[in-house]
């Protein structure tokens, strides 16, 4: 835990120090370099770490996605050490996410910090290499259909994401199927009703019903069901409602409205399937857009003092989520968690 405190304080210092110097991005790039180094040179950190080691050194199962298998074949031409895999996947995941942030918003540093603080995004990339890569690619792909209306380019980039992790097809199909609905603006009452219904769905264990009865072939996944605090859901949903309540401050275009509604889909998926980890991981294809909307909300206030207060409250909110994720990881002893952090160069 101490390592992460020092690590994140250092990154925050570098990101916000960069604001003091106009047209100088040395601190930003230094922060990105440190982020890539820390995640790329981890060792035994993340519940899937040693599974990926076996993929690299022993056997690549047929069910794995073709671009992942191809990347392993290419990387093994350069090194038999699986650490190169973790480094390269970390490098491209972070860089593609950064490129996407630059395209979506001018609040790059705050967006990057929020990305690091959301456990389902950055911390999860320590474990789910393929899906984390797919998320960063799809995050970039969405820009081309939302802002540039380039359907072919969107589909081609989405195909790359799909070939890294098959789950990427679901958010693509959902967004394409609901695109015109996503363009519309809805009232706070509408959003509130949908959120309440989704929480009720969680309370009546809709996910269990769908898996156990409607989709019997996936009943084996019921072993992944675990209870989630309703208070945790309520806090998360209140945060979403705050963004919706003040949407007129920072949602000025149809494109921004689409992003808000995509984020809303992620919250609904998270609510309904909160006790089912494999599905909640899919929600982060949508939830990643909070790293774009939250900074826009924060900096939409003209009063600088108010802006600092809202920024502080927002960062505190994400720090609490991050801390809770580390606490949960520390309590898990059945597989390699996020704590303690170990670095390849220190254990080898």
Protein backbone atom coordinates (compact mmCIF):
# COMPACT_ATOMS: atom_id res chain seq x y z
CA UNK A 1 0.00 0.00 0.00
CA UNK A 2 2.84 2.42 0.86
CA UNK A 3 4.28 1.96 -2.62
CA UNK A 4 1.04 3.04 -4.31
CA UNK A 5 0.75 6.10 -2.06
CA UNK A 6 4.24 7.26 -3.02
CA UNK A 7 3.70 6.33 -6.66
CA UNK A 8 0.44 8.25 -7.04
CA UNK A 9 1.63 11.28 -5.10
CA UNK A 10 4.62 11.45 -7.45
CA UNK A 11 2.43 11.23 -10.55
CA UNK A 12 0.04 13.88 -9.21
CA UNK A 13 2.99 16.16 -8.47
CA UNK A 14 4.36 15.76 -12.00
CA UNK A 15 0.98 16.25 -13.69
CA UNK A 16 0.02 19.36 -11.78
CA UNK A 17 3.54 20.81 -11.81
CA UNK A 18 3.24 20.80 -15.58
CA UNK A 19 0.44 23.38 -15.29
CA UNK A 20 2.97 25.91 -13.98
CA UNK A 21 4.91 25.98 -17.24
CA UNK A 22 3.28 27.09 -20.46
CA UNK A 23 4.05 25.09 -23.62
CA UNK A 24 6.29 22.72 -21.65
CA UNK A 25 5.20 19.09 -21.42
CA UNK A 26 8.33 17.58 -19.95
CA UNK A 27 6.62 16.73 -16.66
CA UNK A 28 3.63 15.19 -18.44
CA UNK A 29 5.84 12.96 -20.58
CA UNK A 30 7.98 12.08 -17.56
CA UNK A 31 4.80 11.02 -15.73
CA UNK A 32 3.70 8.87 -18.68
CA UNK A 33 7.14 7.27 -18.80
CA UNK A 34 6.98 6.41 -15.10
CA UNK A 35 3.45 5.02 -15.49
CA UNK A 36 4.54 2.74 -18.31
CA UNK A 37 7.64 1.64 -16.40
CA UNK A 38 5.73 0.81 -13.20
CA UNK A 39 3.03 -1.20 -14.95
CA UNK A 40 5.30 -2.68 -17.61
CA UNK A 41 7.95 -3.99 -15.22
CA UNK A 42 5.61 -5.36 -12.55
CA UNK A 43 6.19 -8.95 -11.53
CA UNK A 44 3.64 -11.32 -10.03
CA UNK A 45 1.14 -8.45 -9.72
CA UNK A 46 -2.39 -9.10 -10.94
CA UNK A 47 -4.53 -12.21 -10.71
CA UNK A 48 -3.82 -13.27 -14.30
CA UNK A 49 -0.09 -12.53 -14.31
CA UNK A 50 1.15 -16.11 -14.23
CA UNK A 51 -1.53 -17.29 -16.65
CA UNK A 52 -0.05 -14.89 -19.18
CA UNK A 53 3.44 -16.12 -18.34
CA UNK A 54 2.29 -19.64 -19.22
CA UNK A 55 0.73 -18.36 -22.45
CA UNK A 56 4.10 -16.91 -23.39
CA UNK A 57 6.40 -19.70 -22.24
CA UNK A 58 4.37 -22.91 -22.45
CA UNK A 59 1.23 -22.98 -24.55
CA UNK A 60 -1.10 -20.63 -26.46
CA UNK A 61 -4.65 -22.07 -26.31
CA UNK A 62 -6.67 -22.05 -29.52
CA UNK A 63 -9.48 -19.98 -27.96
CA UNK A 64 -7.23 -16.94 -27.53
CA UNK A 65 -7.73 -14.02 -29.90
CA UNK A 66 -5.66 -14.02 -33.12
CA UNK A 67 -3.94 -10.65 -32.65
CA UNK A 68 -2.89 -11.58 -29.14
CA UNK A 69 -1.43 -14.86 -30.38
CA UNK A 70 0.28 -13.06 -33.25
CA UNK A 71 1.79 -10.52 -30.84
CA UNK A 72 3.22 -13.34 -28.73
CA UNK A 73 4.77 -14.99 -31.77
CA UNK A 74 6.36 -11.69 -32.82
CA UNK A 75 7.61 -10.82 -29.34
CA UNK A 76 9.19 -14.24 -28.89
CA UNK A 77 11.34 -13.48 -31.93
CA UNK A 78 12.95 -10.74 -29.83
CA UNK A 79 13.02 -12.33 -26.40
CA UNK A 80 12.05 -15.52 -24.62
CA UNK A 81 11.46 -13.52 -21.45
CA UNK A 82 7.68 -12.97 -20.93
CA UNK A 83 8.41 -9.63 -19.26
CA UNK A 84 8.65 -8.08 -22.71
CA UNK A 85 4.97 -8.97 -23.20
CA UNK A 86 3.90 -7.12 -20.05
CA UNK A 87 5.99 -4.10 -20.97
CA UNK A 88 4.77 -3.83 -24.55
CA UNK A 89 1.11 -4.29 -23.62
CA UNK A 90 1.47 -1.68 -20.90
CA UNK A 91 3.20 0.68 -23.32
CA UNK A 92 0.54 0.48 -26.01
CA UNK A 93 -2.39 0.51 -23.58
CA UNK A 94 -1.17 3.72 -21.95
CA UNK A 95 -0.09 5.40 -25.19
CA UNK A 96 -3.34 4.62 -27.03
CA UNK A 97 -5.35 5.87 -24.06
CA UNK A 98 -3.27 9.06 -24.00
CA UNK A 99 -3.79 9.61 -27.73
CA UNK A 100 -7.53 9.15 -27.23
CA UNK A 101 -7.57 11.64 -24.34
CA UNK A 102 -5.75 14.23 -26.46
CA UNK A 103 -8.36 13.82 -29.21
CA UNK A 104 -11.36 14.08 -26.88
CA UNK A 105 -10.39 16.89 -24.52
CA UNK A 106 -7.98 19.70 -23.67
CA UNK A 107 -7.93 18.66 -20.01
CA UNK A 108 -5.33 15.99 -20.68
CA UNK A 109 -3.58 15.87 -17.30
CA UNK A 110 -6.75 15.66 -15.22
CA UNK A 111 -8.20 13.03 -17.55
CA UNK A 112 -5.02 10.97 -17.32
CA UNK A 113 -5.02 11.20 -13.52
CA UNK A 114 -8.65 10.03 -13.32
CA UNK A 115 -7.80 7.15 -15.67
CA UNK A 116 -5.06 6.06 -13.25
CA UNK A 117 -7.40 6.30 -10.26
CA UNK A 118 -10.22 4.18 -11.70
CA UNK A 119 -9.31 0.61 -10.65
CA UNK A 120 -11.34 -0.97 -13.46
CA UNK A 121 -9.15 0.83 -16.00
CA UNK A 122 -5.52 1.20 -14.93
CA UNK A 123 -5.24 -1.39 -12.17
CA UNK A 124 -7.19 -3.91 -14.21
CA UNK A 125 -4.66 -3.52 -17.02
CA UNK A 126 -2.18 -5.25 -14.69
CA UNK A 127 -4.28 -8.41 -15.01
CA UNK A 128 -6.47 -8.40 -18.12
CA UNK A 129 -3.87 -7.55 -20.75
CA UNK A 130 -6.00 -8.39 -23.78
CA UNK A 131 -9.14 -6.61 -22.67
CA UNK A 132 -7.21 -3.57 -21.44
CA UNK A 133 -5.63 -3.27 -24.87
CA UNK A 134 -9.04 -3.68 -26.52
CA UNK A 135 -10.52 -0.98 -24.25
CA UNK A 136 -7.84 1.55 -25.20
CA UNK A 137 -8.23 0.77 -28.91
CA UNK A 138 -12.02 1.00 -28.77
CA UNK A 139 -11.83 4.23 -26.75
CA UNK A 140 -9.89 5.72 -29.66
CA UNK A 141 -12.23 4.15 -32.23
CA UNK A 142 -15.32 5.76 -30.69
CA UNK A 143 -13.86 9.20 -31.40
CA UNK A 144 -14.12 8.61 -35.14
CA UNK A 145 -17.80 7.70 -35.11
CA UNK A 146 -18.85 10.24 -32.47
CA UNK A 147 -16.93 13.31 -33.64
CA UNK A 148 -15.94 12.61 -37.25
CA UNK A 149 -18.83 10.33 -38.33
CA UNK A 150 -16.35 8.03 -40.09
CA UNK A 151 -18.12 4.70 -39.83
CA UNK A 152 -15.62 2.71 -41.89
CA UNK A 153 -12.63 3.90 -39.84
CA UNK A 154 -14.56 3.18 -36.64
CA UNK A 155 -15.36 -0.35 -37.80
CA UNK A 156 -11.79 -1.08 -38.87
CA UNK A 157 -10.28 0.09 -35.58
CA UNK A 158 -13.03 -1.73 -33.66
CA UNK A 159 -12.11 -4.88 -35.56
CA UNK A 160 -8.55 -4.56 -34.25
CA UNK A 161 -9.92 -4.26 -30.70
CA UNK A 162 -12.13 -7.30 -31.29
CA UNK A 163 -9.15 -9.34 -32.49
CA UNK A 164 -7.34 -8.54 -29.24
CA UNK A 165 -10.36 -9.41 -27.09
CA UNK A 166 -13.65 -10.77 -28.36
CA UNK A 167 -15.65 -8.88 -25.71
CA UNK A 168 -15.08 -5.64 -27.67
CA UNK A 169 -17.83 -6.64 -30.10
CA UNK A 170 -20.55 -6.07 -27.48
CA UNK A 171 -20.04 -2.32 -26.88
CA UNK A 172 -19.62 -1.81 -30.63
CA UNK A 173 -22.95 -3.48 -31.38
CA UNK A 174 -24.69 -1.67 -28.51
CA UNK A 175 -23.49 1.76 -29.64
CA UNK A 176 -24.31 1.12 -33.30
CA UNK A 177 -27.77 -0.22 -32.42
CA UNK A 178 -28.61 2.70 -30.12
CA UNK A 179 -26.71 5.49 -31.86
CA UNK A 180 -29.74 7.66 -32.63
CA UNK A 181 -31.09 7.15 -29.11
CA UNK A 182 -27.72 8.18 -27.70
CA UNK A 183 -27.90 11.49 -29.59
CA UNK A 184 -31.01 12.58 -27.66
CA UNK A 185 -31.04 14.52 -24.44
CA UNK A 186 -33.17 13.21 -21.59
CA UNK A 187 -34.49 14.66 -18.36
CA UNK A 188 -33.02 14.06 -14.94
CA UNK A 189 -36.24 12.23 -14.03
CA UNK A 190 -35.75 9.76 -16.89
CA UNK A 191 -32.15 9.04 -15.90
CA UNK A 192 -33.14 8.68 -12.22
CA UNK A 193 -35.90 6.17 -12.99
CA UNK A 194 -33.59 4.03 -15.13
CA UNK A 195 -30.88 4.10 -12.46
CA UNK A 196 -33.37 3.06 -9.75
CA UNK A 197 -34.68 0.22 -11.91
CA UNK A 198 -31.15 -1.01 -12.56
CA UNK A 199 -30.36 -1.08 -8.84
CA UNK A 200 -33.61 -2.96 -8.19
CA UNK A 201 -32.53 -5.43 -10.90
CA UNK A 202 -29.33 -5.98 -8.95
CA UNK A 203 -31.26 -6.46 -5.72
CA UNK A 204 -33.45 -9.18 -7.27
CA UNK A 205 -30.33 -10.86 -8.74
CA UNK A 206 -31.30 -10.48 -12.39
CA UNK A 207 -27.77 -11.50 -13.44
CA UNK A 208 -28.15 -14.82 -11.65
CA UNK A 209 -31.50 -15.43 -13.32
CA UNK A 210 -30.18 -14.69 -16.81
CA UNK A 211 -27.14 -16.90 -16.37
CA UNK A 212 -28.88 -19.74 -14.59
CA UNK A 213 -32.04 -19.92 -16.66
CA UNK A 214 -32.15 -17.73 -19.75
CA UNK A 215 -28.56 -18.60 -20.72
CA UNK A 216 -28.06 -22.02 -19.18
CA UNK A 217 -24.89 -22.68 -21.16
CA UNK A 218 -23.16 -19.96 -19.11
CA UNK A 219 -24.38 -21.29 -15.75
CA UNK A 220 -20.81 -22.26 -14.85
CA UNK A 221 -20.04 -18.56 -14.46
CA UNK A 222 -22.34 -18.45 -11.44
CA UNK A 223 -19.26 -19.35 -9.42
CA UNK A 224 -18.12 -15.76 -9.98
CA UNK A 225 -21.16 -14.27 -8.24
CA UNK A 226 -20.19 -12.19 -5.21
CA UNK A 227 -22.08 -9.74 -3.05
CA UNK A 228 -21.49 -6.01 -3.52
CA UNK A 229 -22.45 -3.36 -0.97
CA UNK A 230 -25.59 -1.47 -1.96
CA UNK A 231 -24.03 1.63 -0.37
CA UNK A 232 -21.16 1.41 -2.84
CA UNK A 233 -23.64 1.35 -5.72
CA UNK A 234 -25.63 4.26 -4.30
CA UNK A 235 -22.51 6.42 -3.97
CA UNK A 236 -21.47 5.59 -7.53
CA UNK A 237 -24.94 6.41 -8.86
CA UNK A 238 -25.13 9.69 -6.94
CA UNK A 239 -21.88 10.70 -8.63
CA UNK A 240 -23.46 9.89 -12.01
CA UNK A 241 -26.58 11.87 -11.12
CA UNK A 242 -24.44 14.90 -10.25
CA UNK A 243 -22.90 14.76 -13.73
CA UNK A 244 -26.39 14.54 -15.24
CA UNK A 245 -27.83 17.28 -13.03
CA UNK A 246 -25.16 19.76 -14.16
CA UNK A 247 -24.97 18.54 -17.75
CA UNK A 248 -26.12 21.89 -19.15
CA UNK A 249 -22.89 23.41 -17.85
CA UNK A 250 -20.56 21.24 -19.91
CA UNK A 251 -22.68 19.35 -22.47
CA UNK A 252 -22.90 21.78 -25.37
CA UNK A 253 -22.85 19.53 -28.44
CA UNK A 254 -24.57 16.37 -29.65
CA UNK A 255 -21.21 14.65 -29.48
CA UNK A 256 -20.81 15.40 -25.78
CA UNK A 257 -24.36 14.22 -25.21
CA UNK A 258 -23.56 10.91 -26.91
CA UNK A 259 -20.57 10.46 -24.60
CA UNK A 260 -22.76 11.16 -21.55
CA UNK A 261 -25.27 8.53 -22.66
CA UNK A 262 -22.51 5.99 -23.40
CA UNK A 263 -21.21 6.55 -19.88
CA UNK A 264 -24.77 6.08 -18.60
CA UNK A 265 -24.96 2.69 -20.33
CA UNK A 266 -21.82 1.67 -18.45
CA UNK A 267 -23.39 2.62 -15.12
CA UNK A 268 -26.52 0.60 -15.96
CA UNK A 269 -24.44 -2.47 -16.83
CA UNK A 270 -22.44 -2.01 -13.64
CA UNK A 271 -25.62 -1.73 -11.56
CA UNK A 272 -27.43 -4.72 -12.99
CA UNK A 273 -24.42 -7.04 -12.95
CA UNK A 274 -22.49 -5.66 -9.97
CA UNK A 275 -22.19 -9.05 -8.32
CA UNK A 276 -20.90 -10.67 -11.51
CA UNK A 277 -17.29 -9.68 -12.24
CA UNK A 278 -16.96 -10.99 -15.84
CA UNK A 279 -19.84 -8.73 -16.96
CA UNK A 280 -18.89 -5.69 -14.91
CA UNK A 281 -15.52 -5.75 -16.68
CA UNK A 282 -17.47 -5.10 -19.89
CA UNK A 283 -18.92 -1.95 -18.36
CA UNK A 284 -15.51 -0.26 -18.51
CA UNK A 285 -15.71 -0.02 -22.29
CA UNK A 286 -18.36 2.60 -21.48
CA UNK A 287 -17.21 3.85 -18.07
CA UNK A 288 -13.88 4.98 -19.51
CA UNK A 289 -15.71 8.06 -20.81
CA UNK A 290 -15.91 9.53 -17.33
CA UNK A 291 -12.24 10.46 -17.78
CA UNK A 292 -13.46 12.87 -20.48
CA UNK A 293 -16.68 14.18 -18.93
CA UNK A 294 -15.59 14.67 -15.32
CA UNK A 295 -12.78 17.15 -16.19
CA UNK A 296 -15.19 19.04 -18.48
CA UNK A 297 -17.61 19.27 -15.57
CA UNK A 298 -14.91 20.38 -13.14
CA UNK A 299 -13.52 23.13 -15.35
CA UNK A 300 -16.94 24.39 -16.46
CA UNK A 301 -17.12 26.56 -13.33
CA UNK A 302 -15.80 30.09 -13.72
CA UNK A 303 -14.93 30.75 -10.10
CA UNK A 304 -11.42 29.44 -9.50
CA UNK A 305 -12.00 28.71 -5.82
CA UNK A 306 -15.12 26.69 -6.63
CA UNK A 307 -13.20 24.95 -9.37
CA UNK A 308 -10.47 23.89 -6.93
CA UNK A 309 -13.07 22.64 -4.43
CA UNK A 310 -14.88 20.53 -7.04
CA UNK A 311 -11.57 19.20 -8.38
CA UNK A 312 -10.51 18.23 -4.84
CA UNK A 313 -13.84 16.52 -4.11
CA UNK A 314 -13.66 14.61 -7.40
CA UNK A 315 -10.08 13.45 -6.82
CA UNK A 316 -10.99 12.44 -3.25
CA UNK A 317 -13.91 10.41 -4.61
CA UNK A 318 -11.62 8.52 -7.00
CA UNK A 319 -8.94 8.09 -4.33
CA UNK A 320 -11.51 6.41 -2.08
CA UNK A 321 -12.52 4.06 -4.90
CA UNK A 322 -8.87 3.29 -5.59
CA UNK A 323 -8.12 2.71 -1.91
CA UNK A 324 -11.10 0.39 -1.58
CA UNK A 325 -9.87 -1.64 -4.56
CA UNK A 326 -6.44 -2.05 -2.98
CA UNK A 327 -8.03 -2.99 0.35
CA UNK A 328 -10.11 -5.65 -1.41
CA UNK A 329 -7.02 -6.95 -3.19
CA UNK A 330 -5.12 -7.18 0.10
CA UNK A 331 -7.93 -9.29 1.56
CA UNK A 332 -7.73 -11.78 -1.31
CA UNK A 333 -5.26 -14.60 -0.79
CA UNK A 334 -6.27 -17.04 -3.52
CA UNK A 335 -4.33 -15.38 -6.31
CA UNK A 336 -1.74 -12.69 -7.00
CA UNK A 337 -3.31 -9.34 -6.19
CA UNK A 338 -2.22 -5.76 -6.62
CA UNK A 339 -0.61 -5.63 -3.18
CA UNK A 340 2.23 -5.85 -2.53
CA UNK A 341 3.64 -4.36 -5.72
CA UNK A 342 6.75 -6.18 -6.94
CA UNK A 343 9.06 -5.03 -9.69
CA UNK A 344 10.86 -7.35 -12.10
CA UNK A 345 14.24 -5.66 -11.59
CA UNK A 346 14.02 -6.04 -7.83
CA UNK A 347 12.92 -9.67 -7.63
CA UNK A 348 15.11 -11.06 -10.39
